[in-house]
């Protein structure tokens, strides 16, 4: 079997794993290394023969402890490493049950905790398209994204604000190092919950920022009471500016018009 490379993306956001692996092809097993690892697949490398079938069994072993993950995988690509002569085999996990998926999540989490991986965004550079950033985010277990968002530095926060998970975004807005420009960027996310909007609206760091207050007040998921509180001290010029923006709810619009009339 020569492997199939046609139409297969070769770039992926995966963790350099540093774990021992074993590939089973029929009745034979071969030890190798997992060069990188994600929820969807792994790249194996070692002095192993070309798989004889499209589907193989693979075992991944954590660097420390007894955790092992046993998965079925489809062979996506087979190549020889010109520098070592070892075979590189790209695998896509298939037919995983809930227990196997959880074991893989545990392995990925352990790799992050033990520092066996590079930073999850090391492969990204300023200007990386949003869809590629989202691929990198999806490769990180949810629990780790939530934890990371709460303490992330400036570069990591730039990527995390594109996350679509509501818990990650809530954790991010609670990050003590968040600055107002980032708060504005997060405020336009359609994935914010009313609770997260409330957190931003009542954060003492940002209360004086008119632009952020207007963005939050016109968010499609803002609670009416929050929108009214955000705009309670607006003067006529601010009210007219806000009314010119799309997204103002009818209830808030009516209240602002009455305030203008009384003024």
C-alpha atoms as a PDB file:
ATOM      1  CA  UNK A   1       0.000   0.000   0.000  1.00  0.00           C
ATOM      2  CA  UNK A   2       1.419   3.401  -0.939  1.00  0.00           C
ATOM      3  CA  UNK A   3      -0.875   5.637   1.123  1.00  0.00           C
ATOM      4  CA  UNK A   4      -3.124   8.368  -0.136  1.00  0.00           C
ATOM      5  CA  UNK A   5      -1.916  11.953  -0.150  1.00  0.00           C
ATOM      6  CA  UNK A   6      -4.295  13.425  -2.727  1.00  0.00           C
ATOM      7  CA  UNK A   7      -6.436  16.168  -1.272  1.00  0.00           C
ATOM      8  CA  UNK A   8      -5.134  15.600   2.263  1.00  0.00           C
ATOM      9  CA  UNK A   9      -4.125  18.770   4.094  1.00  0.00           C
ATOM     10  CA  UNK A  10      -0.573  18.458   5.340  1.00  0.00           C
ATOM     11  CA  UNK A  11      -0.718  21.350   7.722  1.00  0.00           C
ATOM     12  CA  UNK A  12      -2.506  20.853  11.014  1.00  0.00           C
ATOM     13  CA  UNK A  13      -2.487  22.342  14.479  1.00  0.00           C
ATOM     14  CA  UNK A  14      -1.370  19.417  16.587  1.00  0.00           C
ATOM     15  CA  UNK A  15       0.614  18.962  19.769  1.00  0.00           C
ATOM     16  CA  UNK A  16       4.200  17.674  19.413  1.00  0.00           C
ATOM     17  CA  UNK A  17       3.433  14.710  21.602  1.00  0.00           C
ATOM     18  CA  UNK A  18       6.653  12.982  22.627  1.00  0.00           C
ATOM     19  CA  UNK A  19       4.706   9.824  23.416  1.00  0.00           C
ATOM     20  CA  UNK A  20       5.491   6.205  22.683  1.00  0.00           C
ATOM     21  CA  UNK A  21       3.143   4.596  20.197  1.00  0.00           C
ATOM     22  CA  UNK A  22       2.485   1.154  18.816  1.00  0.00           C
ATOM     23  CA  UNK A  23       0.886   0.399  15.487  1.00  0.00           C
ATOM     24  CA  UNK A  24      -0.785  -2.966  14.931  1.00  0.00           C
ATOM     25  CA  UNK A  25      -1.183  -4.206  11.380  1.00  0.00           C
ATOM     26  CA  UNK A  26      -2.937  -7.543  11.246  1.00  0.00           C
ATOM     27  CA  UNK A  27      -1.157  -9.845  13.701  1.00  0.00           C
ATOM     28  CA  UNK A  28       2.016  -7.771  13.916  1.00  0.00           C
ATOM     29  CA  UNK A  29       2.814  -4.821  16.182  1.00  0.00           C
ATOM     30  CA  UNK A  30       5.546  -2.219  15.725  1.00  0.00           C
ATOM     31  CA  UNK A  31       6.841   0.371  18.183  1.00  0.00           C
ATOM     32  CA  UNK A  32       7.178   3.951  16.950  1.00  0.00           C
ATOM     33  CA  UNK A  33       6.865   7.551  18.086  1.00  0.00           C
ATOM     34  CA  UNK A  34       3.905   9.915  17.933  1.00  0.00           C
ATOM     35  CA  UNK A  35       5.416  13.084  16.492  1.00  0.00           C
ATOM     36  CA  UNK A  36       2.249  15.071  16.918  1.00  0.00           C
ATOM     37  CA  UNK A  37      -1.256  14.442  18.119  1.00  0.00           C
ATOM     38  CA  UNK A  38      -4.735  15.944  17.985  1.00  0.00           C
ATOM     39  CA  UNK A  39      -8.290  14.830  18.634  1.00  0.00           C
ATOM     40  CA  UNK A  40      -8.638  13.755  15.021  1.00  0.00           C
ATOM     41  CA  UNK A  41      -5.356  12.032  14.248  1.00  0.00           C
ATOM     42  CA  UNK A  42      -1.665  11.467  14.795  1.00  0.00           C
ATOM     43  CA  UNK A  43       1.571  11.352  12.818  1.00  0.00           C
ATOM     44  CA  UNK A  44       3.656   8.274  13.642  1.00  0.00           C
ATOM     45  CA  UNK A  45       7.331   7.891  12.834  1.00  0.00           C
ATOM     46  CA  UNK A  46       9.727   4.962  13.142  1.00  0.00           C
ATOM     47  CA  UNK A  47      11.383   1.989  11.490  1.00  0.00           C
ATOM     48  CA  UNK A  48       8.098   0.339  10.617  1.00  0.00           C
ATOM     49  CA  UNK A  49       6.845  -1.287   7.406  1.00  0.00           C
ATOM     50  CA  UNK A  50       4.174   0.200   5.175  1.00  0.00           C
ATOM     51  CA  UNK A  51       0.729  -0.830   6.490  1.00  0.00           C
ATOM     52  CA  UNK A  52      -0.834  -3.624   4.499  1.00  0.00           C
ATOM     53  CA  UNK A  53      -4.387  -2.285   4.847  1.00  0.00           C
ATOM     54  CA  UNK A  54      -6.232   1.008   4.999  1.00  0.00           C
ATOM     55  CA  UNK A  55      -7.137   0.620   8.682  1.00  0.00           C
ATOM     56  CA  UNK A  56      -4.824  -0.117  11.592  1.00  0.00           C
ATOM     57  CA  UNK A  57      -4.960  -0.163  15.386  1.00  0.00           C
ATOM     58  CA  UNK A  58      -2.791   2.284  17.299  1.00  0.00           C
ATOM     59  CA  UNK A  59      -1.880   2.529  20.975  1.00  0.00           C
ATOM     60  CA  UNK A  60      -0.670   5.808  22.472  1.00  0.00           C
ATOM     61  CA  UNK A  61       1.126   5.807  25.815  1.00  0.00           C
ATOM     62  CA  UNK A  62       1.515   8.870  28.018  1.00  0.00           C
ATOM     63  CA  UNK A  63       5.123   9.905  28.791  1.00  0.00           C
ATOM     64  CA  UNK A  64       4.414   9.496  32.515  1.00  0.00           C
ATOM     65  CA  UNK A  65       1.999   7.190  34.293  1.00  0.00           C
ATOM     66  CA  UNK A  66       0.100   4.218  32.942  1.00  0.00           C
ATOM     67  CA  UNK A  67      -2.418   5.963  30.683  1.00  0.00           C
ATOM     68  CA  UNK A  68      -2.826   4.212  27.327  1.00  0.00           C
ATOM     69  CA  UNK A  69      -5.269   5.046  24.549  1.00  0.00           C
ATOM     70  CA  UNK A  70      -6.322   2.349  22.078  1.00  0.00           C
ATOM     71  CA  UNK A  71      -7.835   3.593  18.830  1.00  0.00           C
ATOM     72  CA  UNK A  72      -8.691   2.476  15.325  1.00  0.00           C
ATOM     73  CA  UNK A  73      -7.301   4.692  12.581  1.00  0.00           C
ATOM     74  CA  UNK A  74      -7.404   5.132   8.834  1.00  0.00           C
ATOM     75  CA  UNK A  75      -4.109   5.490   6.972  1.00  0.00           C
ATOM     76  CA  UNK A  76      -4.077   8.901   5.297  1.00  0.00           C
ATOM     77  CA  UNK A  77      -0.493   9.261   4.163  1.00  0.00           C
ATOM     78  CA  UNK A  78       2.721   7.229   4.140  1.00  0.00           C
ATOM     79  CA  UNK A  79       6.109   8.838   3.449  1.00  0.00           C
ATOM     80  CA  UNK A  80       9.765   8.076   4.042  1.00  0.00           C
ATOM     81  CA  UNK A  81      11.717  10.595   6.135  1.00  0.00           C
ATOM     82  CA  UNK A  82      14.731  11.426   3.933  1.00  0.00           C
ATOM     83  CA  UNK A  83      16.892  12.356   6.921  1.00  0.00           C
ATOM     84  CA  UNK A  84      16.428   9.144   8.912  1.00  0.00           C
ATOM     85  CA  UNK A  85      14.920   6.650   6.521  1.00  0.00           C
ATOM     86  CA  UNK A  86      12.083   6.049   8.989  1.00  0.00           C
ATOM     87  CA  UNK A  87       8.540   5.806   7.759  1.00  0.00           C
ATOM     88  CA  UNK A  88       6.055   8.555   8.610  1.00  0.00           C
ATOM     89  CA  UNK A  89       2.433   7.466   8.764  1.00  0.00           C
ATOM     90  CA  UNK A  90      -0.392   9.989   9.071  1.00  0.00           C
ATOM     91  CA  UNK A  91      -3.480   8.480  10.693  1.00  0.00           C
ATOM     92  CA  UNK A  92      -7.045   9.684  11.130  1.00  0.00           C
ATOM     93  CA  UNK A  93      -8.928   8.228  14.102  1.00  0.00           C
ATOM     94  CA  UNK A  94     -12.170   6.415  13.227  1.00  0.00           C
ATOM     95  CA  UNK A  95     -15.031   4.692  15.069  1.00  0.00           C
ATOM     96  CA  UNK A  96     -14.030   5.943  18.524  1.00  0.00           C
ATOM     97  CA  UNK A  97     -16.532   5.344  21.315  1.00  0.00           C
ATOM     98  CA  UNK A  98     -17.125   7.721  24.224  1.00  0.00           C
ATOM     99  CA  UNK A  99     -14.585   5.982  26.470  1.00  0.00           C
ATOM    100  CA  UNK A 100     -11.874   6.204  23.821  1.00  0.00           C
ATOM    101  CA  UNK A 101     -12.635   9.867  23.142  1.00  0.00           C
ATOM    102  CA  UNK A 102     -12.408  10.629  26.856  1.00  0.00           C
ATOM    103  CA  UNK A 103      -9.120   8.739  27.159  1.00  0.00           C
ATOM    104  CA  UNK A 104      -7.720  10.796  24.285  1.00  0.00           C
ATOM    105  CA  UNK A 105      -8.903  14.022  25.958  1.00  0.00           C
ATOM    106  CA  UNK A 106      -7.164  12.908  29.148  1.00  0.00           C
ATOM    107  CA  UNK A 107      -3.957  12.215  27.245  1.00  0.00           C
ATOM    108  CA  UNK A 108      -3.995  15.626  25.550  1.00  0.00           C
ATOM    109  CA  UNK A 109      -4.664  17.318  28.880  1.00  0.00           C
ATOM    110  CA  UNK A 110      -1.812  15.425  30.515  1.00  0.00           C
ATOM    111  CA  UNK A 111       0.577  16.437  27.754  1.00  0.00           C
ATOM    112  CA  UNK A 112      -0.284  20.078  28.314  1.00  0.00           C
ATOM    113  CA  UNK A 113       0.032  19.816  32.082  1.00  0.00           C
ATOM    114  CA  UNK A 114       3.361  18.010  31.925  1.00  0.00           C
ATOM    115  CA  UNK A 115       4.813  20.539  29.502  1.00  0.00           C
ATOM    116  CA  UNK A 116       5.489  17.949  26.828  1.00  0.00           C
ATOM    117  CA  UNK A 117       4.059  20.119  24.100  1.00  0.00           C
ATOM    118  CA  UNK A 118       4.936  23.433  22.493  1.00  0.00           C
ATOM    119  CA  UNK A 119       2.618  26.360  22.984  1.00  0.00           C
ATOM    120  CA  UNK A 120      -0.714  25.649  21.287  1.00  0.00           C
ATOM    121  CA  UNK A 121      -0.376  28.735  19.108  1.00  0.00           C
ATOM    122  CA  UNK A 122       3.294  28.408  18.193  1.00  0.00           C
ATOM    123  CA  UNK A 123       2.403  27.670  14.571  1.00  0.00           C
ATOM    124  CA  UNK A 124       0.427  30.904  14.214  1.00  0.00           C
ATOM    125  CA  UNK A 125       1.728  34.301  13.210  1.00  0.00           C
ATOM    126  CA  UNK A 126       0.143  37.783  13.189  1.00  0.00           C
ATOM    127  CA  UNK A 127      -2.359  37.950  10.363  1.00  0.00           C
ATOM    128  CA  UNK A 128      -3.163  34.221  10.389  1.00  0.00           C
ATOM    129  CA  UNK A 129      -6.661  33.789   8.866  1.00  0.00           C
ATOM    130  CA  UNK A 130      -9.451  33.312  11.380  1.00  0.00           C
ATOM    131  CA  UNK A 131     -10.362  29.848  10.092  1.00  0.00           C
ATOM    132  CA  UNK A 132      -6.814  28.638  10.761  1.00  0.00           C
ATOM    133  CA  UNK A 133      -6.865  30.115  14.264  1.00  0.00           C
ATOM    134  CA  UNK A 134     -10.105  28.225  14.899  1.00  0.00           C
ATOM    135  CA  UNK A 135      -8.432  24.980  13.819  1.00  0.00           C
ATOM    136  CA  UNK A 136      -5.731  25.598  16.394  1.00  0.00           C
ATOM    137  CA  UNK A 137      -8.360  26.284  19.055  1.00  0.00           C
ATOM    138  CA  UNK A 138     -10.284  23.119  18.226  1.00  0.00           C
ATOM    139  CA  UNK A 139      -7.133  21.055  18.745  1.00  0.00           C
ATOM    140  CA  UNK A 140      -6.981  22.139  22.407  1.00  0.00           C
ATOM    141  CA  UNK A 141      -9.250  20.275  24.861  1.00  0.00           C
ATOM    142  CA  UNK A 142     -12.066  22.493  26.127  1.00  0.00           C
ATOM    143  CA  UNK A 143     -11.021  22.330  29.775  1.00  0.00           C
ATOM    144  CA  UNK A 144      -7.554  23.542  28.832  1.00  0.00           C
ATOM    145  CA  UNK A 145      -8.927  26.413  26.721  1.00  0.00           C
ATOM    146  CA  UNK A 146     -11.049  27.597  29.631  1.00  0.00           C
ATOM    147  CA  UNK A 147      -8.089  27.445  32.002  1.00  0.00           C
ATOM    148  CA  UNK A 148      -5.769  29.109  29.507  1.00  0.00           C
ATOM    149  CA  UNK A 149      -8.207  31.957  28.809  1.00  0.00           C
ATOM    150  CA  UNK A 150      -8.229  32.971  32.468  1.00  0.00           C
ATOM    151  CA  UNK A 151      -4.460  33.565  32.556  1.00  0.00           C
ATOM    152  CA  UNK A 152      -3.453  33.991  28.899  1.00  0.00           C
ATOM    153  CA  UNK A 153      -0.967  36.611  27.806  1.00  0.00           C
ATOM    154  CA  UNK A 154      -1.606  39.187  25.115  1.00  0.00           C
ATOM    155  CA  UNK A 155      -0.689  36.967  22.133  1.00  0.00           C
ATOM    156  CA  UNK A 156      -2.784  34.034  23.352  1.00  0.00           C
ATOM    157  CA  UNK A 157      -5.742  36.293  24.094  1.00  0.00           C
ATOM    158  CA  UNK A 158      -5.632  37.556  20.506  1.00  0.00           C
ATOM    159  CA  UNK A 159      -6.428  34.029  19.337  1.00  0.00           C
ATOM    160  CA  UNK A 160      -8.734  32.994  22.169  1.00  0.00           C
ATOM    161  CA  UNK A 161     -11.175  35.812  21.499  1.00  0.00           C
ATOM    162  CA  UNK A 162     -12.059  33.985  18.253  1.00  0.00           C
ATOM    163  CA  UNK A 163     -13.222  30.967  20.259  1.00  0.00           C
ATOM    164  CA  UNK A 164     -16.890  30.095  19.795  1.00  0.00           C
ATOM    165  CA  UNK A 165     -17.332  28.360  23.149  1.00  0.00           C
ATOM    166  CA  UNK A 166     -19.274  30.492  25.620  1.00  0.00           C
ATOM    167  CA  UNK A 167     -17.343  29.212  28.658  1.00  0.00           C
ATOM    168  CA  UNK A 168     -14.001  30.101  27.075  1.00  0.00           C
ATOM    169  CA  UNK A 169     -15.212  33.625  26.298  1.00  0.00           C
ATOM    170  CA  UNK A 170     -16.516  34.108  29.835  1.00  0.00           C
ATOM    171  CA  UNK A 171     -13.168  32.964  31.231  1.00  0.00           C
ATOM    172  CA  UNK A 172     -11.396  35.338  28.851  1.00  0.00           C
ATOM    173  CA  UNK A 173     -13.363  38.409  29.931  1.00  0.00           C
ATOM    174  CA  UNK A 174     -12.455  37.575  33.543  1.00  0.00           C
ATOM    175  CA  UNK A 175      -8.742  37.601  32.666  1.00  0.00           C
ATOM    176  CA  UNK A 176      -7.226  40.286  34.953  1.00  0.00           C
ATOM    177  CA  UNK A 177      -4.898  41.519  32.210  1.00  0.00           C
ATOM    178  CA  UNK A 178      -7.605  42.170  29.616  1.00  0.00           C
ATOM    179  CA  UNK A 179      -7.399  45.678  28.164  1.00  0.00           C
ATOM    180  CA  UNK A 180     -10.200  47.814  26.797  1.00  0.00           C
ATOM    181  CA  UNK A 181      -9.288  47.293  23.117  1.00  0.00           C
ATOM    182  CA  UNK A 182      -9.598  43.536  23.646  1.00  0.00           C
ATOM    183  CA  UNK A 183     -12.873  43.962  25.516  1.00  0.00           C
ATOM    184  CA  UNK A 184     -14.282  45.817  22.498  1.00  0.00           C
ATOM    185  CA  UNK A 185     -13.152  43.032  20.161  1.00  0.00           C
ATOM    186  CA  UNK A 186     -14.725  40.353  22.348  1.00  0.00           C
ATOM    187  CA  UNK A 187     -17.940  42.360  22.708  1.00  0.00           C
ATOM    188  CA  UNK A 188     -18.818  41.902  19.028  1.00  0.00           C
ATOM    189  CA  UNK A 189     -18.703  38.099  19.272  1.00  0.00           C
ATOM    190  CA  UNK A 190     -22.135  36.594  18.575  1.00  0.00           C
ATOM    191  CA  UNK A 191     -21.251  33.758  20.956  1.00  0.00           C
ATOM    192  CA  UNK A 192     -21.390  35.833  24.152  1.00  0.00           C
ATOM    193  CA  UNK A 193     -24.057  34.844  26.661  1.00  0.00           C
ATOM    194  CA  UNK A 194     -26.189  37.437  28.436  1.00  0.00           C
ATOM    195  CA  UNK A 195     -24.202  36.613  31.587  1.00  0.00           C
ATOM    196  CA  UNK A 196     -20.877  37.353  29.914  1.00  0.00           C
ATOM    197  CA  UNK A 197     -22.261  40.612  28.531  1.00  0.00           C
ATOM    198  CA  UNK A 198     -23.250  41.549  32.081  1.00  0.00           C
ATOM    199  CA  UNK A 199     -19.723  40.815  33.301  1.00  0.00           C
ATOM    200  CA  UNK A 200     -18.245  43.130  30.686  1.00  0.00           C
ATOM    201  CA  UNK A 201     -20.884  45.782  31.319  1.00  0.00           C
ATOM    202  CA  UNK A 202     -20.145  45.911  35.042  1.00  0.00           C
ATOM    203  CA  UNK A 203     -16.360  45.564  34.878  1.00  0.00           C
ATOM    204  CA  UNK A 204     -14.906  48.607  36.624  1.00  0.00           C
ATOM    205  CA  UNK A 205     -11.926  48.590  34.244  1.00  0.00           C
ATOM    206  CA  UNK A 206     -14.113  49.464  31.257  1.00  0.00           C
ATOM    207  CA  UNK A 207     -17.037  51.451  32.661  1.00  0.00           C
ATOM    208  CA  UNK A 208     -15.811  54.726  31.237  1.00  0.00           C
ATOM    209  CA  UNK A 209     -15.365  53.477  27.677  1.00  0.00           C
ATOM    210  CA  UNK A 210     -18.191  54.825  25.536  1.00  0.00           C
ATOM    211  CA  UNK A 211     -17.422  52.659  22.504  1.00  0.00           C
ATOM    212  CA  UNK A 212     -17.577  49.440  24.505  1.00  0.00           C
ATOM    213  CA  UNK A 213     -20.818  50.477  26.184  1.00  0.00           C
ATOM    214  CA  UNK A 214     -22.412  51.133  22.799  1.00  0.00           C
ATOM    215  CA  UNK A 215     -21.246  47.814  21.393  1.00  0.00           C
ATOM    216  CA  UNK A 216     -22.641  45.950  24.385  1.00  0.00           C
ATOM    217  CA  UNK A 217     -25.898  47.920  24.374  1.00  0.00           C
ATOM    218  CA  UNK A 218     -26.542  46.890  20.753  1.00  0.00           C
ATOM    219  CA  UNK A 219     -25.471  43.248  21.129  1.00  0.00           C
ATOM    220  CA  UNK A 220     -28.301  40.937  19.992  1.00  0.00           C
ATOM    221  CA  UNK A 221     -28.154  38.996  23.274  1.00  0.00           C
ATOM    222  CA  UNK A 222     -27.881  41.897  25.704  1.00  0.00           C
ATOM    223  CA  UNK A 223     -30.541  41.841  28.446  1.00  0.00           C
ATOM    224  CA  UNK A 224     -32.823  44.866  28.288  1.00  0.00           C
ATOM    225  CA  UNK A 225     -31.948  45.877  31.844  1.00  0.00           C
ATOM    226  CA  UNK A 226     -28.232  45.748  31.038  1.00  0.00           C
ATOM    227  CA  UNK A 227     -28.665  47.846  27.888  1.00  0.00           C
ATOM    228  CA  UNK A 228     -30.606  50.439  29.856  1.00  0.00           C
ATOM    229  CA  UNK A 229     -27.981  50.544  32.599  1.00  0.00           C
ATOM    230  CA  UNK A 230     -25.189  50.960  30.053  1.00  0.00           C
ATOM    231  CA  UNK A 231     -26.875  53.995  28.520  1.00  0.00           C
ATOM    232  CA  UNK A 232     -28.504  55.528  31.606  1.00  0.00           C
ATOM    233  CA  UNK A 233     -26.139  58.510  31.772  1.00  0.00           C
ATOM    234  CA  UNK A 234     -25.905  59.127  28.023  1.00  0.00           C
ATOM    235  CA  UNK A 235     -26.387  62.735  26.951  1.00  0.00           C
ATOM    236  CA  UNK A 236     -28.141  63.840  23.773  1.00  0.00           C
ATOM    237  CA  UNK A 237     -25.073  63.567  21.459  1.00  0.00           C
ATOM    238  CA  UNK A 238     -24.359  60.032  22.695  1.00  0.00           C
ATOM    239  CA  UNK A 239     -28.008  59.018  22.362  1.00  0.00           C
ATOM    240  CA  UNK A 240     -28.164  60.238  18.762  1.00  0.00           C
ATOM    241  CA  UNK A 241     -24.929  58.407  17.979  1.00  0.00           C
ATOM    242  CA  UNK A 242     -26.302  55.196  19.499  1.00  0.00           C
ATOM    243  CA  UNK A 243     -29.648  55.461  17.709  1.00  0.00           C
ATOM    244  CA  UNK A 244     -27.810  55.660  14.397  1.00  0.00           C
ATOM    245  CA  UNK A 245     -26.302  52.231  15.009  1.00  0.00           C
ATOM    246  CA  UNK A 246     -28.010  48.999  13.961  1.00  0.00           C
ATOM    247  CA  UNK A 247     -29.030  46.524  16.609  1.00  0.00           C
ATOM    248  CA  UNK A 248     -30.741  48.844  19.106  1.00  0.00           C
ATOM    249  CA  UNK A 249     -33.718  46.973  20.508  1.00  0.00           C
ATOM    250  CA  UNK A 250     -37.134  48.545  20.183  1.00  0.00           C
ATOM    251  CA  UNK A 251     -37.506  48.796  23.957  1.00  0.00           C
ATOM    252  CA  UNK A 252     -34.216  50.663  24.314  1.00  0.00           C
ATOM    253  CA  UNK A 253     -34.932  52.795  21.241  1.00  0.00           C
ATOM    254  CA  UNK A 254     -38.274  53.935  22.704  1.00  0.00           C
ATOM    255  CA  UNK A 255     -36.666  54.807  26.010  1.00  0.00           C
ATOM    256  CA  UNK A 256     -33.888  56.780  24.349  1.00  0.00           C
ATOM    257  CA  UNK A 257     -36.356  58.698  22.163  1.00  0.00           C
ATOM    258  CA  UNK A 258     -38.342  59.650  25.270  1.00  0.00           C
ATOM    259  CA  UNK A 259     -35.174  60.861  26.927  1.00  0.00           C
ATOM    260  CA  UNK A 260     -34.309  62.969  23.908  1.00  0.00           C
ATOM    261  CA  UNK A 261     -37.784  64.463  23.866  1.00  0.00           C
ATOM    262  CA  UNK A 262     -37.656  65.335  27.549  1.00  0.00           C
ATOM    263  CA  UNK A 263     -34.198  66.854  27.029  1.00  0.00           C
END
